[in-house]
Every structure is written in C-alpha cells, then in structure tokens.
Amino acid sequence: MKPKANRYLVPGLLFVATVIVALNAWFAFRAVGSLLESEHSVEHTWRVINTVERIMSSGKDAETGNRGYLITGDEAYLQPYNDAVRDLPKELDDFQHLTLDNPSQQARVTEMRAVLEQRLALLQQGIDLRRSHSTDIVRPLVLSGTGKVEMDHLRRIADDMEAEERRLLAQRTAHARSDSTRTRYTIGLASGLDFLLIVLMFRFLANERRLRISSELDAERLAVARAETEERAEEVRALNATLEQRVELRTAELQSINRELEAFSYSVSHDLRAPLRTIDGFSLALEEDYAEVVDTTGRDYIHRVRTGVQRMGQLIDALLQLSRITRADITRESFNFSELAESVAAVLREENKGRDVTFHIEPDLQVEGDPKLLRVALENLFGNAVKFSSKKPSTVVDFGWDKKKDAWFVRDTGAGFDMHYADRLFSAFNRLHGDKDFKGSGIGLATVARVIHRHHGEIWADSVIDHGATFWFTLG
C-alpha cells in the first residue's frame, strides 16, 4: 500500500471506529437509563404499598386504643389513638403525593380520607363521653357495629389501592426484567463490537507505534473522564436520595415555625388588650374629670391619646379575628350562599341608612363550605365595597357566580385601586388607600384570603382607579 494511501486509510478507519464506539456507548447509556427508570418505578410502587399498610396500621391502632380507653377509662390506652391521629394526615398526604399520576388512586385516597375523618370524629365522641363519665352511653357505642362497618369500608378501599399497586408492580417488574435483559444484551453486543474493532485496528496500528501510543493516551484520558463521570453520577444519585428527606424536614420546620408565630401573634394581641383598656380608661377619666384643669392643648393631647388607643384596639381585634380564622376548624356543608349574602347585605343597609346603597345578589346560589367563615369573608368584601364607594353619590354591589371564570365575584363601583400594587392587596397591614380617605385596619382582605385558602381556594382582583373593583374567589 502506498504511503500516501496508508496515511489517509488509518485516520479513516480510526474515525469509523470512533463513530461505532460512540454509538455503542450511546445505546448502552440509553439501556442503563431505561433500567434505572424501571427500578425506580418498582421502588416507587413498593413505597406506595408500604404507605397503604401504614395507614391501615394507624387506623387499627386508633381503634384499639380508643376501645381500650372506653372499656377501662385508663388514659394510657389512648397513646396509640393519639399517635394515629397525629400520623394519619401525613400518611394520607404521602400517599396522595406518591400517586399524583394515578387518578383512580387519587379518588380512593379522597374517599379514605373522608371515611377516616368520620371514624376519628366518632372515636373522639366516644372519648369525650367516657371522660364525662357517661358510661351508659359509651357501652352501646362500643358494642355497636358502626366501627366494624367503617373499618371494613377502609379495608376495601385499602385492598383496592393495594390491588392497583400490585397490578402496576407486576407490570413494572416485568418491564424492569425486560430492560435488564436488553441492557445486558446491548452492553454485551457493544463490548463484542468494541473488541472486534480493537482486533482489526491492531493490525493497522502494529507498524504505527506513534499512533498506537497516542491512542493509548487518549484511552487513558477517556477512562479517567468516565471514572469522574461515574463518580459525579453517584454523587448526584446520593443527593437525590436524601433530597426528599431534607425537603420533608424543612417543610416540617416551616410548619412548626408558622404555628409558633400564629400562637405568638394571638398571645401578644390578647395580652395587649388589658393595658390598652387601662390607658383608654384613665385618659377618659382625664378628659371628663379634669377638663377644666387642663388647657385646650392638653385636652387635644388627651383626645389624640384616646384616638390612638382606640385605633390600636381595633387593630388588635382584627389581628385576633385573623388568628381565630387561622386556628378555627373547617366544617363543610352545603347551604344557600345567596341567603347568607342577603343577610350580610341587610346588616350593611341598616348601618348605612343615610346612603344610597344597592345590592344585586344572584338568587338560589348553592355552595359547599363553612358558613361561619364564609360569612366573615362576605362581611369584609361587602363592607369594603360599601366603604370604598362612600365618596360616590350611589353605591352598587353585585354578587354572583361567573360561569366563564368558574368563580364567585363581588363587584363594586367605588374608588378602585392601581393594579400595579395588586400583589400587596391580601397581605396584612398593606393598605392601598390612606387612613384619611378610608378608615380601616388593613386586615380585612388578609382575613378574606385566609378564609379562602382554608377552603383550598384562590382569590384575586381586577380594578380600574375610580371605576370600582371586582374580587374573584373559588372554594376548592
């Protein structure tokens, strides 16, 4: 072979060999990736099954502890019950999070959550009766078949959940075996082709020592790079394995901090009321009993002190209401939303007799939610609509359901607000209008948002300055 031809042949063969090796590596990488995904799916399915078993175990512990307490009256028997009440919501949330891609499992966990809530409520009722020494009522409650029916219902749901996951497990296990076999064949074929190429190329590289040494150096660098890649991949896998645990730990810490802040806010607001009442009382005594002793400037100072104290009292009351809404239990029921809105509107008409206030409320609207909390929300929304329309000759407030937006709305013809500041609208103490223009605490819309979020809904607003505002909300 001519030297010139040999000079071009060796690079050509090297190029072909490199392409084949790269393709083999690509196919092998894909096969390994598919195998890892299949193994992850199998592991995920086992986690879901274990979660179902933990839920049922907690339910049984609650039943056992409750029954032992009802029979003996010994508070020690309530430990399994209390642990189950604490663990069940998290276990149900874990299951719901793990099966977000499975609509049938989502429906089952919703049904299971409802049954467990009903059962735990009944168990708590028995505990309360036993603590009140109503043993005559407790014994029929223990002997009744309600608990068995509900537990049988839970078992059926759990069996359906596990059956679904077992079916998925079988499919995913079979897929994992198939991927494993395919991976072995792919890697074996790739290794065989690579070995064949090495043998063929050795014949051409026997007389090309310089090229052979260069190729060995390239191979060493490739091996080092591959080792580094595998090391980094192992680090990534280790980080992924601990990521979920760190996220759960951080979430628990944030929830604990939020609860502590809510308790602190409630305690501070509650404890501040007594000294404020003292200041208000003594300032009132000064204003009434020493009016002739104090000059005009002093009386003005006393009046300002009383005004500031009363303003602080209003803010504290608003904070307490916001805290109570945050801590209150949600009791969902179906009721006539229009009638509730009419009752709120009637109170506002009575409070604003000297003004032209008109409410347009869509009739016979049904809703499912907590009537007490939703009344608080409507009182704040309607009250704001009337307040921010006070500078207009007439006030018109509309309330109803918008099918296009699939949301409730409260619309007014008042002062409106700049949409540039809409993100501050539902935060406590963030007011878009001055206190001189419209009195208020800055807590009302934050309270409304808290009520809507407690119902797992959303709230937003549209407005044009001096052309009114529309508040939209959903209820989950």
Protein backbone atom coordinates (compact mmCIF):
# COMPACT_ATOMS: atom_id res chain seq x y z
CA MET A 1 0.00 0.00 0.00
CA LYS A 2 1.34 3.41 -0.90
CA PRO A 3 2.44 5.63 2.00
CA LYS A 4 0.01 8.37 0.97
CA ALA A 5 -2.91 5.96 0.80
CA ASN A 6 -1.90 4.42 4.14
CA ARG A 7 -1.72 7.90 5.66
CA TYR A 8 -5.38 8.52 4.77
CA LEU A 9 -6.60 4.98 5.46
CA VAL A 10 -5.57 4.87 9.13
CA PRO A 11 -7.37 8.15 10.10
CA GLY A 12 -10.41 6.97 8.13
CA LEU A 13 -10.51 3.67 9.98
CA LEU A 14 -9.99 5.45 13.28
CA PHE A 15 -12.89 7.77 12.50
CA VAL A 16 -15.18 4.84 11.65
CA ALA A 17 -14.13 3.01 14.80
CA THR A 18 -14.76 6.11 16.91
CA VAL A 19 -18.26 6.51 15.46
CA ILE A 20 -19.09 2.86 16.15
CA VAL A 21 -17.78 3.07 19.74
CA ALA A 22 -19.76 6.27 20.33
CA LEU A 23 -22.94 4.66 19.01
CA ASN A 24 -22.36 1.61 21.19
CA ALA A 25 -21.83 3.83 24.23
CA TRP A 26 -24.99 5.80 23.40
CA PHE A 27 -27.12 2.63 23.08
CA ALA A 28 -25.63 1.24 26.30
CA PHE A 29 -26.27 4.51 28.14
CA ARG A 30 -29.89 4.52 27.00
CA ALA A 31 -30.34 0.92 28.08
CA VAL A 32 -28.86 1.62 31.52
CA GLY A 33 -31.03 4.72 31.87
CA SER A 34 -34.15 2.75 30.98
CA LEU A 35 -33.19 0.07 33.51
CA LEU A 36 -32.70 2.67 36.25
CA GLU A 37 -36.09 4.22 35.47
CA SER A 38 -37.77 0.81 35.68
CA GLU A 39 -36.09 0.04 39.01
CA HIS A 40 -37.17 3.45 40.32
CA SER A 41 -40.76 2.72 39.27
CA VAL A 42 -40.69 -0.61 41.11
CA GLU A 43 -39.25 1.06 44.22
CA HIS A 44 -41.90 3.78 44.00
CA THR A 45 -44.67 1.17 43.83
CA TRP A 46 -43.34 -0.57 46.95
CA ARG A 47 -43.32 2.76 48.76
CA VAL A 48 -46.98 3.31 47.86
CA ILE A 49 -47.90 -0.20 49.10
CA ASN A 50 -46.00 0.39 52.36
CA THR A 51 -47.81 3.70 52.80
CA VAL A 52 -51.20 1.95 52.44
CA GLU A 53 -50.15 -0.59 55.07
CA ARG A 54 -49.02 2.22 57.43
CA ILE A 55 -52.39 3.96 57.01
CA MET A 56 -54.31 0.81 57.86
CA SER A 57 -51.98 0.10 60.78
CA SER A 58 -52.59 3.60 62.16
CA GLY A 59 -56.35 3.14 61.72
CA LYS A 60 -56.24 -0.12 63.64
CA ASP A 61 -54.11 1.47 66.38
CA ALA A 62 -56.68 4.26 66.73
CA GLU A 63 -59.49 1.70 67.03
CA THR A 64 -57.57 -0.42 69.55
CA GLY A 65 -56.50 2.50 71.74
CA ASN A 66 -59.98 4.03 71.68
CA ARG A 67 -61.70 0.79 72.56
CA GLY A 68 -59.26 0.11 75.40
CA TYR A 69 -59.89 3.56 76.86
CA LEU A 70 -63.68 3.27 76.52
CA ILE A 71 -63.63 -0.06 78.36
CA THR A 72 -61.10 0.76 81.09
CA GLY A 73 -61.09 4.55 81.32
CA ASP A 74 -57.27 4.43 81.55
CA GLU A 75 -55.69 7.38 79.65
CA ALA A 76 -52.61 5.24 78.87
CA TYR A 77 -54.69 3.28 76.35
CA LEU A 78 -55.12 6.48 74.33
CA GLN A 79 -51.44 6.64 73.33
CA PRO A 80 -51.91 4.53 70.14
CA TYR A 81 -55.02 6.56 69.35
CA ASN A 82 -53.20 9.89 69.76
CA ASP A 83 -50.26 8.66 67.67
CA ALA A 84 -52.63 7.56 64.92
CA VAL A 85 -54.49 10.88 64.94
CA ARG A 86 -51.13 12.64 64.60
CA ASP A 87 -49.70 10.34 61.89
CA LEU A 88 -52.73 9.66 59.70
CA PRO A 89 -52.94 13.07 57.95
CA LYS A 90 -49.26 12.93 56.98
CA GLU A 91 -49.56 9.32 55.79
CA LEU A 92 -52.59 10.19 53.68
CA ASP A 93 -50.75 13.20 52.25
CA ASP A 94 -47.73 10.98 51.47
CA PHE A 95 -49.96 8.53 49.62
CA GLN A 96 -51.69 11.32 47.73
CA HIS A 97 -48.34 12.83 46.74
CA LEU A 98 -46.94 9.47 45.64
CA THR A 99 -49.98 8.73 43.42
CA LEU A 100 -50.45 12.13 41.79
CA ASP A 101 -50.14 10.45 38.37
CA ASN A 102 -52.92 7.93 39.13
CA PRO A 103 -56.46 9.44 39.08
CA SER A 104 -58.11 6.25 40.40
CA GLN A 105 -55.80 6.19 43.43
CA GLN A 106 -56.45 9.89 44.00
CA ALA A 107 -60.17 9.21 44.12
CA ARG A 108 -59.63 6.31 46.56
CA VAL A 109 -57.43 8.35 48.91
CA THR A 110 -60.04 11.11 48.94
CA GLU A 111 -62.69 8.56 49.88
CA MET A 112 -60.41 7.01 52.51
CA ARG A 113 -59.65 10.43 53.99
CA ALA A 114 -63.37 11.14 54.34
CA VAL A 115 -64.07 7.76 55.97
CA LEU A 116 -61.13 8.15 58.37
CA GLU A 117 -62.21 11.65 59.34
CA GLN A 118 -65.72 10.38 60.02
CA ARG A 119 -64.41 7.46 62.04
CA LEU A 120 -61.96 9.54 64.05
CA ALA A 121 -64.72 12.03 64.82
CA LEU A 122 -66.88 9.19 66.16
CA LEU A 123 -63.95 7.84 68.21
CA GLN A 124 -63.36 11.30 69.65
CA GLN A 125 -67.04 11.50 70.54
CA GLY A 126 -66.72 8.24 72.48
CA ILE A 127 -63.65 9.58 74.31
CA ASP A 128 -65.49 12.77 75.24
CA LEU A 129 -68.45 10.77 76.53
CA ARG A 130 -66.16 8.49 78.55
CA ARG A 131 -64.38 11.47 80.03
CA SER A 132 -67.75 12.93 81.05
CA HIS A 133 -68.44 9.59 82.83
CA SER A 134 -71.37 8.81 80.51
CA THR A 135 -70.71 5.08 80.74
CA ASP A 136 -74.31 4.19 79.95
CA ILE A 137 -73.92 5.78 76.54
CA VAL A 138 -70.37 4.58 75.94
CA ARG A 139 -71.15 0.85 76.30
CA PRO A 140 -73.70 0.77 73.44
CA LEU A 141 -71.24 2.83 71.40
CA VAL A 142 -68.51 0.23 71.97
CA LEU A 143 -70.80 -2.69 71.19
CA SER A 144 -72.35 -1.11 68.09
CA GLY A 145 -71.35 -2.40 64.67
CA THR A 146 -70.61 1.03 63.24
CA GLY A 147 -66.87 0.71 63.80
CA LYS A 148 -66.71 -2.65 62.07
CA VAL A 149 -68.67 -1.37 59.08
CA GLU A 150 -66.39 1.62 58.72
CA MET A 151 -63.22 -0.42 59.18
CA ASP A 152 -64.50 -2.92 56.60
CA HIS A 153 -65.05 0.01 54.29
CA LEU A 154 -61.49 1.20 54.92
CA ARG A 155 -60.14 -2.29 54.30
CA ARG A 156 -61.99 -2.48 50.98
CA ILE A 157 -60.52 0.84 49.93
CA ALA A 158 -57.05 -0.22 51.07
CA ASP A 159 -57.41 -3.57 49.28
CA ASP A 160 -58.38 -1.73 46.09
CA MET A 161 -55.39 0.59 46.50
CA GLU A 162 -53.00 -2.29 47.09
CA ALA A 163 -54.51 -4.32 44.25
CA GLU A 164 -53.97 -1.41 41.89
CA GLU A 165 -50.36 -1.03 43.04
CA ARG A 166 -49.78 -4.80 42.83
CA ARG A 167 -51.01 -4.69 39.25
CA LEU A 168 -48.65 -1.79 38.49
CA LEU A 169 -45.87 -3.61 40.36
CA ALA A 170 -46.29 -6.67 38.17
CA GLN A 171 -46.16 -4.56 35.03
CA ARG A 172 -43.17 -2.55 36.21
CA THR A 173 -41.31 -5.60 37.43
CA ALA A 174 -41.79 -7.28 34.06
CA HIS A 175 -40.64 -4.10 32.35
CA ALA A 176 -37.59 -3.94 34.63
CA ARG A 177 -36.68 -7.56 33.79
CA SER A 178 -37.06 -6.78 30.11
CA ASP A 179 -34.88 -3.69 30.47
CA SER A 180 -32.28 -5.69 32.40
CA THR A 181 -32.12 -8.33 29.69
CA ARG A 182 -31.96 -5.72 26.97
CA THR A 183 -29.23 -3.87 28.85
CA ARG A 184 -27.12 -7.00 29.19
CA TYR A 185 -27.53 -7.80 25.51
CA THR A 186 -26.76 -4.22 24.49
CA ILE A 187 -23.67 -3.97 26.65
CA GLY A 188 -22.52 -7.42 25.54
CA LEU A 189 -23.03 -6.59 21.88
CA ALA A 190 -21.31 -3.23 22.31
CA SER A 191 -18.40 -4.88 24.11
CA GLY A 192 -18.13 -7.53 21.37
CA LEU A 193 -18.12 -4.93 18.63
CA ASP A 194 -15.56 -2.86 20.50
CA PHE A 195 -13.33 -5.90 20.96
CA LEU A 196 -13.64 -6.77 17.26
CA LEU A 197 -12.70 -3.24 16.31
CA ILE A 198 -9.69 -3.38 18.62
CA VAL A 199 -8.51 -6.61 16.96
CA LEU A 200 -8.98 -5.19 13.48
CA MET A 201 -7.31 -1.95 14.32
CA PHE A 202 -4.36 -3.69 15.96
CA ARG A 203 -3.29 -4.95 12.53
CA PHE A 204 -3.17 -1.43 11.19
CA LEU A 205 -1.53 0.03 14.28
CA ALA A 206 1.24 -2.58 14.56
CA ASN A 207 3.58 -0.56 12.38
CA GLU A 208 2.34 2.80 13.62
CA ARG A 209 3.88 2.94 17.07
CA ARG A 210 3.45 6.65 17.45
CA LEU A 211 -0.24 6.45 16.63
CA ARG A 212 -0.66 3.48 18.98
CA ILE A 213 0.93 5.39 21.87
CA SER A 214 -1.26 8.38 21.13
CA SER A 215 -4.32 6.16 21.09
CA GLU A 216 -3.36 4.63 24.43
CA LEU A 217 -3.01 8.09 25.93
CA ASP A 218 -6.44 9.04 24.58
CA ALA A 219 -7.88 5.84 26.02
CA GLU A 220 -6.39 6.63 29.43
CA ARG A 221 -7.87 10.11 29.37
CA LEU A 222 -11.22 8.65 28.37
CA ALA A 223 -11.09 6.17 31.25
CA VAL A 224 -10.30 8.94 33.71
CA ALA A 225 -13.16 11.03 32.34
CA ARG A 226 -15.53 8.07 32.56
CA ALA A 227 -14.47 7.39 36.15
CA GLU A 228 -15.01 11.03 37.03
CA THR A 229 -18.40 10.93 35.30
CA GLU A 230 -19.43 7.84 37.22
CA GLU A 231 -18.24 9.41 40.48
CA ARG A 232 -20.26 12.56 39.82
CA ALA A 233 -23.28 10.47 38.81
CA GLU A 234 -23.01 8.58 42.10
CA GLU A 235 -22.89 11.87 43.97
CA VAL A 236 -25.99 13.06 42.13
CA ARG A 237 -27.83 9.84 42.97
CA ALA A 238 -26.84 10.19 46.63
CA LEU A 239 -28.07 13.78 46.69
CA ASN A 240 -31.36 12.75 45.06
CA ALA A 241 -31.80 10.00 47.64
CA THR A 242 -31.57 12.49 50.52
CA LEU A 243 -33.32 15.41 48.81
CA GLU A 244 -36.84 14.27 49.62
CA GLN A 245 -35.94 13.71 53.28
CA ARG A 246 -34.40 17.19 53.52
CA VAL A 247 -37.47 18.74 51.87
CA GLU A 248 -39.82 16.96 54.29
CA LEU A 249 -37.68 18.03 57.27
CA ARG A 250 -37.61 21.64 56.08
CA THR A 251 -41.37 21.60 55.47
CA ALA A 252 -42.00 20.30 58.99
CA GLU A 253 -39.72 23.01 60.42
CA LEU A 254 -41.57 25.73 58.48
CA GLN A 255 -44.96 24.42 59.63
CA SER A 256 -43.75 24.42 63.23
CA ILE A 257 -42.45 27.98 62.88
CA ASN A 258 -45.76 29.10 61.37
CA ARG A 259 -47.69 27.56 64.25
CA GLU A 260 -45.40 29.25 66.77
CA LEU A 261 -45.81 32.61 65.01
CA GLU A 262 -49.60 32.24 64.98
CA ALA A 263 -49.64 31.37 68.67
CA PHE A 264 -47.30 34.27 69.43
CA SER A 265 -49.49 36.70 67.43
CA TYR A 266 -52.63 35.53 69.23
CA SER A 267 -50.95 35.73 72.67
CA VAL A 268 -49.50 39.19 72.09
CA SER A 269 -52.75 40.55 70.64
CA HIS A 270 -54.75 39.08 73.52
CA ASP A 271 -52.37 40.33 76.24
CA LEU A 272 -52.18 43.86 74.80
CA ARG A 273 -55.89 44.47 75.23
CA ALA A 274 -55.73 44.84 79.05
CA PRO A 275 -53.11 47.68 79.15
CA LEU A 276 -54.88 49.41 76.26
CA ARG A 277 -58.16 49.33 78.19
CA THR A 278 -56.30 50.82 81.20
CA ILE A 279 -54.85 53.64 79.08
CA ASP A 280 -58.23 54.30 77.48
CA GLY A 281 -59.99 54.32 80.86
CA PHE A 282 -57.56 56.70 82.55
CA SER A 283 -57.45 59.00 79.51
CA LEU A 284 -61.28 59.08 79.53
CA ALA A 285 -61.16 59.96 83.26
CA LEU A 286 -58.71 62.77 82.49
CA GLU A 287 -60.91 64.03 79.68
CA GLU A 288 -64.09 64.00 81.76
CA ASP A 289 -62.92 64.80 85.30
CA TYR A 290 -60.03 67.22 84.65
CA ALA A 291 -61.31 69.03 81.55
CA GLU A 292 -61.33 72.36 83.41
CA VAL A 293 -57.85 71.87 84.84
CA VAL A 294 -56.16 71.02 81.52
CA ASP A 295 -55.89 73.70 78.84
CA THR A 296 -57.01 73.32 75.22
CA THR A 297 -53.70 71.87 74.08
CA GLY A 298 -53.77 69.29 76.89
CA ARG A 299 -57.33 68.26 76.02
CA ASP A 300 -56.24 67.87 72.40
CA TYR A 301 -53.36 65.65 73.53
CA ILE A 302 -55.73 63.54 75.63
CA HIS A 303 -58.10 63.22 72.69
CA ARG A 304 -55.23 62.09 70.46
CA VAL A 305 -54.15 59.53 73.05
CA ARG A 306 -57.68 58.10 73.20
CA THR A 307 -57.93 58.07 69.40
CA GLY A 308 -54.61 56.21 69.10
CA VAL A 309 -55.58 53.70 71.80
CA GLN A 310 -58.92 53.01 70.16
CA ARG A 311 -57.17 52.62 66.80
CA MET A 312 -54.75 50.14 68.37
CA GLY A 313 -57.70 48.28 69.93
CA GLN A 314 -59.32 47.95 66.50
CA LEU A 315 -56.07 46.60 65.03
CA ILE A 316 -55.73 44.08 67.86
CA ASP A 317 -59.34 42.93 67.38
CA ALA A 318 -58.66 42.49 63.66
CA LEU A 319 -55.49 40.50 64.41
CA LEU A 320 -57.37 38.29 66.85
CA GLN A 321 -60.05 37.64 64.25
CA LEU A 322 -57.37 36.73 61.69
CA SER A 323 -55.72 34.40 64.23
CA ARG A 324 -59.04 32.76 65.12
CA ILE A 325 -59.77 32.12 61.45
CA THR A 326 -56.34 30.54 61.04
CA ARG A 327 -56.88 28.26 64.06
CA ALA A 328 -60.60 27.52 63.52
CA ASP A 329 -61.75 24.09 62.37
CA ILE A 330 -63.35 23.88 58.92
CA THR A 331 -66.87 22.39 58.89
CA ARG A 332 -68.01 21.98 55.29
CA GLU A 333 -71.69 21.78 54.49
CA SER A 334 -73.98 22.62 51.59
CA PHE A 335 -76.08 25.76 52.05
CA ASN A 336 -77.71 28.67 50.19
CA PHE A 337 -74.97 31.21 49.54
CA SER A 338 -77.48 33.81 48.30
CA GLU A 339 -79.36 33.80 51.61
CA LEU A 340 -76.09 34.28 53.52
CA ALA A 341 -75.15 37.18 51.23
CA GLU A 342 -78.62 38.75 51.69
CA SER A 343 -78.27 38.63 55.49
CA VAL A 344 -74.85 40.32 55.31
CA ALA A 345 -76.22 42.94 52.91
CA ALA A 346 -79.19 43.63 55.25
CA VAL A 347 -76.83 44.47 58.12
CA LEU A 348 -74.83 46.85 55.91
CA ARG A 349 -78.01 48.59 54.71
CA GLU A 350 -79.04 49.10 58.34
CA GLU A 351 -75.60 50.52 59.20
CA ASN A 352 -75.67 52.91 56.22
CA LYS A 353 -79.26 54.21 56.31
CA GLY A 354 -78.30 57.67 55.12
CA ARG A 355 -76.66 56.40 51.91
CA ASP A 356 -77.94 55.10 48.57
CA VAL A 357 -76.65 51.51 48.81
CA THR A 358 -77.96 48.82 46.41
CA PHE A 359 -77.05 45.12 46.46
CA HIS A 360 -77.64 42.89 43.40
CA ILE A 361 -77.37 39.31 44.67
CA GLU A 362 -77.90 36.38 42.30
CA PRO A 363 -80.66 34.18 43.81
CA ASP A 364 -80.56 30.50 44.83
CA LEU A 365 -76.79 30.02 44.68
CA GLN A 366 -75.67 26.83 46.42
CA VAL A 367 -72.20 26.35 47.84
CA GLU A 368 -70.29 23.83 49.93
CA GLY A 369 -68.15 25.31 52.68
CA ASP A 370 -68.05 26.58 56.25
CA PRO A 371 -70.95 29.07 56.71
CA LYS A 372 -69.35 30.92 59.63
CA LEU A 373 -66.04 31.53 57.87
CA LEU A 374 -67.70 32.42 54.57
CA ARG A 375 -69.90 34.94 56.41
CA VAL A 376 -66.72 36.60 57.70
CA ALA A 377 -65.35 36.71 54.13
CA LEU A 378 -68.55 38.27 52.73
CA GLU A 379 -68.77 40.76 55.59
CA ASN A 380 -65.27 42.02 54.73
CA LEU A 381 -65.80 42.01 50.93
CA PHE A 382 -69.24 43.70 51.11
CA GLY A 383 -68.01 46.08 53.82
CA ASN A 384 -65.02 47.11 51.68
CA ALA A 385 -67.29 47.62 48.66
CA VAL A 386 -69.56 49.93 50.66
CA LYS A 387 -66.64 51.73 52.36
CA PHE A 388 -64.66 52.42 49.19
CA SER A 389 -67.82 53.65 47.42
CA SER A 390 -68.61 56.19 50.17
CA LYS A 391 -67.37 59.12 48.08
CA LYS A 392 -69.71 58.24 45.20
CA PRO A 393 -73.34 59.51 45.14
CA SER A 394 -74.65 55.93 44.98
CA THR A 395 -73.23 52.52 45.80
CA VAL A 396 -73.96 49.37 43.77
CA VAL A 397 -72.57 45.99 44.88
CA ASP A 398 -73.01 42.86 42.73
CA PHE A 399 -72.54 39.30 43.96
CA GLY A 400 -72.88 36.07 41.97
CA TRP A 401 -71.27 33.22 40.06
CA ASP A 402 -69.35 33.64 36.79
CA LYS A 403 -69.53 30.50 34.63
CA LYS A 404 -66.72 31.58 32.31
CA LYS A 405 -64.22 32.16 35.11
CA ASP A 406 -65.76 29.36 37.22
CA ALA A 407 -65.56 31.61 40.27
CA TRP A 408 -67.62 33.75 42.67
CA PHE A 409 -67.38 37.52 42.39
CA VAL A 410 -68.08 40.69 44.39
CA ARG A 411 -68.15 43.83 42.22
CA ASP A 412 -68.49 47.47 43.29
CA THR A 413 -68.46 50.94 41.72
CA GLY A 414 -66.11 52.52 44.24
CA ALA A 415 -62.64 54.05 44.27
CA GLY A 416 -60.83 51.03 42.83
CA PHE A 417 -57.05 50.63 43.07
CA ASP A 418 -53.89 50.55 40.96
CA MET A 419 -53.31 47.01 39.63
CA HIS A 420 -49.56 47.63 39.91
CA TYR A 421 -49.96 47.04 43.67
CA ALA A 422 -52.33 44.06 43.39
CA ASP A 423 -49.71 41.70 44.86
CA ARG A 424 -49.88 43.63 48.17
CA LEU A 425 -53.66 43.52 48.35
CA PHE A 426 -54.13 40.42 50.51
CA SER A 427 -51.24 40.96 52.95
CA ALA A 428 -51.90 42.17 56.48
CA PHE A 429 -51.46 45.94 57.12
CA ASN A 430 -50.85 46.67 53.42
CA ARG A 431 -53.32 49.42 52.54
CA LEU A 432 -53.57 50.99 49.07
CA HIS A 433 -55.58 53.98 50.36
CA GLY A 434 -54.68 56.39 53.14
CA ASP A 435 -56.41 56.29 56.51
CA LYS A 436 -57.63 59.85 55.97
CA ASP A 437 -59.56 58.81 52.86
CA PHE A 438 -60.96 55.50 54.08
CA LYS A 439 -60.76 54.22 57.65
CA GLY A 440 -59.69 50.64 58.19
CA SER A 441 -57.28 48.23 59.84
CA GLY A 442 -55.59 46.73 56.76
CA ILE A 443 -56.59 43.25 57.95
CA GLY A 444 -59.91 42.74 56.13
CA LEU A 445 -58.65 41.39 52.81
CA ALA A 446 -55.95 39.36 54.58
CA THR A 447 -58.77 37.77 56.59
CA VAL A 448 -60.73 37.05 53.39
CA ALA A 449 -57.67 35.47 51.78
CA ARG A 450 -57.10 33.31 54.86
CA VAL A 451 -60.74 32.07 54.73
CA ILE A 452 -60.46 31.26 51.02
CA HIS A 453 -57.14 29.46 51.46
CA ARG A 454 -58.59 27.45 54.37
CA HIS A 455 -61.16 26.21 51.79
CA HIS A 456 -58.28 25.34 49.40
CA GLY A 457 -59.44 28.07 47.03
CA GLU A 458 -57.89 31.09 45.31
CA ILE A 459 -58.69 34.81 45.37
CA TRP A 460 -57.68 37.60 43.00
CA ALA A 461 -58.94 41.03 41.95
CA ASP A 462 -59.39 43.27 38.90
CA SER A 463 -59.75 47.04 39.17
CA VAL A 464 -59.50 50.41 37.45
CA ILE A 465 -58.93 53.51 39.57
CA ASP A 466 -62.21 55.42 40.18
CA HIS A 467 -64.16 52.73 38.28
CA GLY A 468 -64.63 50.14 41.01
CA ALA A 469 -63.12 46.74 41.68
CA THR A 470 -64.09 43.09 41.22
CA PHE A 471 -62.91 40.39 43.63
CA TRP A 472 -62.96 36.79 42.38
CA PHE A 473 -62.63 33.70 44.54
CA THR A 474 -63.02 29.93 44.42
CA LEU A 475 -63.64 27.46 47.24
CA GLY A 476 -61.57 24.43 46.31
